[in-house]
């Protein structure tokens, strides 16, 4: 089972659906994919659409209600929402049977089989990550240097 985590609120739920559909469309075994949606306030209508996206490909989806999580005071801005912090609490939020996940931002499209990334050897390291080149090369970031 390939476990994929997405974190969103109602404003980005449609982006999460696109990310999910792109994962599933390119997966060699979409029925072996399980999505965990960290729900920071998704409407029932949009939750239903996210479920439909997964079910169309026989994948599984579970929603984790993030409103129940008591976060310390964190910086929030127009660019950085509370949903952005959710990934920091994955160990506490996911079932104990889950020992490996792929965390994806919702503003992306997957263009290859996610199983290739799932099978990547982390050589004993607890985390694999990539730089967000969009953020690094943004005009705003360049001005801050």
Protein backbone atom coordinates (compact mmCIF):
# COMPACT_ATOMS: atom_id res chain seq x y z
CA UNK A 1 0.00 0.00 0.00
CA UNK A 2 1.35 3.43 -1.00
CA UNK A 3 0.35 6.02 1.61
CA UNK A 4 0.06 9.59 0.36
CA UNK A 5 -0.67 12.57 2.60
CA UNK A 6 -2.18 15.83 1.39
CA UNK A 7 -3.03 18.80 3.61
CA UNK A 8 -5.70 21.26 2.58
CA UNK A 9 -8.51 23.53 3.58
CA UNK A 10 -11.59 24.39 1.53
CA UNK A 11 -9.71 26.98 -0.56
CA UNK A 12 -7.28 24.41 -1.97
CA UNK A 13 -9.48 21.30 -2.01
CA UNK A 14 -9.84 21.52 -5.81
CA UNK A 15 -6.04 21.56 -6.11
CA UNK A 16 -5.88 18.46 -3.91
CA UNK A 17 -8.33 16.74 -6.26
CA UNK A 18 -6.09 17.55 -9.24
CA UNK A 19 -3.02 16.25 -7.40
CA UNK A 20 -4.90 13.05 -6.46
CA UNK A 21 -6.16 12.53 -10.02
CA UNK A 22 -2.67 13.02 -11.45
CA UNK A 23 -1.22 10.45 -9.01
CA UNK A 24 -3.95 7.95 -9.80
CA UNK A 25 -3.94 8.48 -13.57
CA UNK A 26 -0.23 7.72 -13.74
CA UNK A 27 -0.14 4.91 -11.16
CA UNK A 28 0.52 1.37 -12.31
CA UNK A 29 -1.75 0.11 -9.47
CA UNK A 30 -4.10 2.90 -8.37
CA UNK A 31 -6.04 0.47 -6.18
CA UNK A 32 -2.89 0.18 -4.02
CA UNK A 33 -2.92 3.88 -3.14
CA UNK A 34 -4.33 5.26 0.08
CA UNK A 35 -4.70 9.00 0.58
CA UNK A 36 -4.78 10.66 3.97
CA UNK A 37 -6.28 14.13 3.70
CA UNK A 38 -5.36 16.45 6.57
CA UNK A 39 -8.63 18.38 6.66
CA UNK A 40 -8.34 21.98 7.87
CA UNK A 41 -11.94 22.83 7.08
CA UNK A 42 -13.11 21.21 3.85
CA UNK A 43 -16.80 21.59 3.05
CA UNK A 44 -18.95 18.47 2.73
CA UNK A 45 -19.40 19.18 -0.98
CA UNK A 46 -15.67 19.31 -1.66
CA UNK A 47 -14.98 16.31 0.62
CA UNK A 48 -17.47 14.33 -1.45
CA UNK A 49 -15.66 15.33 -4.65
CA UNK A 50 -12.31 14.26 -3.20
CA UNK A 51 -13.85 10.88 -2.28
CA UNK A 52 -15.26 10.54 -5.81
CA UNK A 53 -11.82 11.21 -7.29
CA UNK A 54 -10.30 8.36 -5.26
CA UNK A 55 -13.21 5.98 -5.81
CA UNK A 56 -13.10 6.51 -9.59
CA UNK A 57 -9.71 4.76 -9.52
CA UNK A 58 -10.57 2.28 -6.72
CA UNK A 59 -8.16 4.05 -4.37
CA UNK A 60 -8.82 4.70 -0.69
CA UNK A 61 -9.12 8.06 1.04
CA UNK A 62 -9.35 8.94 4.73
CA UNK A 63 -9.91 12.38 6.20
CA UNK A 64 -8.21 13.49 9.39
CA UNK A 65 -9.98 16.37 11.11
CA UNK A 66 -7.27 18.90 11.90
CA UNK A 67 -9.63 21.22 13.78
CA UNK A 68 -9.28 18.83 16.73
CA UNK A 69 -5.52 19.42 16.83
CA UNK A 70 -4.38 22.07 19.25
CA UNK A 71 -1.46 23.85 17.61
CA UNK A 72 0.84 26.23 19.39
CA UNK A 73 0.71 29.81 18.19
CA UNK A 74 2.19 29.79 14.68
CA UNK A 75 2.83 32.39 12.00
CA UNK A 76 0.00 32.65 9.47
CA UNK A 77 0.06 34.82 6.34
CA UNK A 78 -1.58 35.08 2.94
CA UNK A 79 0.98 32.57 1.68
CA UNK A 80 1.27 30.33 4.76
CA UNK A 81 -1.94 28.85 6.15
CA UNK A 82 -2.54 26.68 9.17
CA UNK A 83 -2.81 23.72 6.77
CA UNK A 84 0.89 24.18 5.93
CA UNK A 85 1.84 23.21 9.49
CA UNK A 86 -0.20 19.98 9.54
CA UNK A 87 2.59 17.86 8.06
CA UNK A 88 4.65 18.43 11.20
CA UNK A 89 2.23 16.26 13.18
CA UNK A 90 2.00 13.22 10.89
CA UNK A 91 3.41 10.79 13.43
CA UNK A 92 0.68 11.72 15.91
CA UNK A 93 -2.13 11.86 13.33
CA UNK A 94 -1.73 8.74 11.23
CA UNK A 95 -2.65 5.21 12.32
CA UNK A 96 0.21 3.39 14.06
CA UNK A 97 0.18 0.81 11.26
CA UNK A 98 1.45 3.48 8.83
CA UNK A 99 5.24 3.59 8.91
CA UNK A 100 5.96 5.30 5.59
CA UNK A 101 4.24 8.08 3.64
CA UNK A 102 4.76 10.37 0.71
CA UNK A 103 3.73 13.91 1.60
CA UNK A 104 2.69 15.99 -1.41
CA UNK A 105 1.81 19.66 -1.53
CA UNK A 106 -1.57 20.10 -3.18
CA UNK A 107 -0.38 22.55 -5.83
CA UNK A 108 1.36 20.00 -8.02
CA UNK A 109 0.74 17.52 -10.79
CA UNK A 110 2.38 14.09 -10.79
CA UNK A 111 3.48 13.01 -14.27
CA UNK A 112 4.93 9.55 -13.58
CA UNK A 113 4.14 6.46 -11.54
CA UNK A 114 4.29 7.39 -7.83
CA UNK A 115 5.46 3.83 -7.11
CA UNK A 116 8.91 4.84 -8.40
CA UNK A 117 9.17 7.46 -5.67
CA UNK A 118 7.74 5.03 -3.09
CA UNK A 119 10.49 2.53 -3.91
CA UNK A 120 13.29 5.08 -3.63
CA UNK A 121 15.95 3.89 -1.20
CA UNK A 122 16.44 6.44 1.57
CA UNK A 123 19.55 4.57 2.74
CA UNK A 124 18.40 4.42 6.35
CA UNK A 125 17.52 8.09 6.57
CA UNK A 126 14.14 8.98 8.12
CA UNK A 127 13.21 11.57 5.49
CA UNK A 128 13.67 12.27 1.81
CA UNK A 129 12.87 15.77 0.56
CA UNK A 130 13.40 18.12 -2.35
CA UNK A 131 13.79 21.87 -2.53
CA UNK A 132 10.76 23.86 -3.69
CA UNK A 133 12.34 25.47 -6.74
CA UNK A 134 9.25 27.61 -7.32
CA UNK A 135 9.72 29.19 -3.93
CA UNK A 136 13.50 29.49 -4.21
CA UNK A 137 13.37 31.20 -7.61
CA UNK A 138 10.36 33.43 -6.92
CA UNK A 139 10.84 37.17 -7.37
CA UNK A 140 9.88 37.76 -3.73
CA UNK A 141 12.53 35.34 -2.45
CA UNK A 142 15.15 36.87 -4.74
CA UNK A 143 14.41 40.34 -3.30
CA UNK A 144 14.91 39.01 0.24
CA UNK A 145 18.46 37.81 -0.48
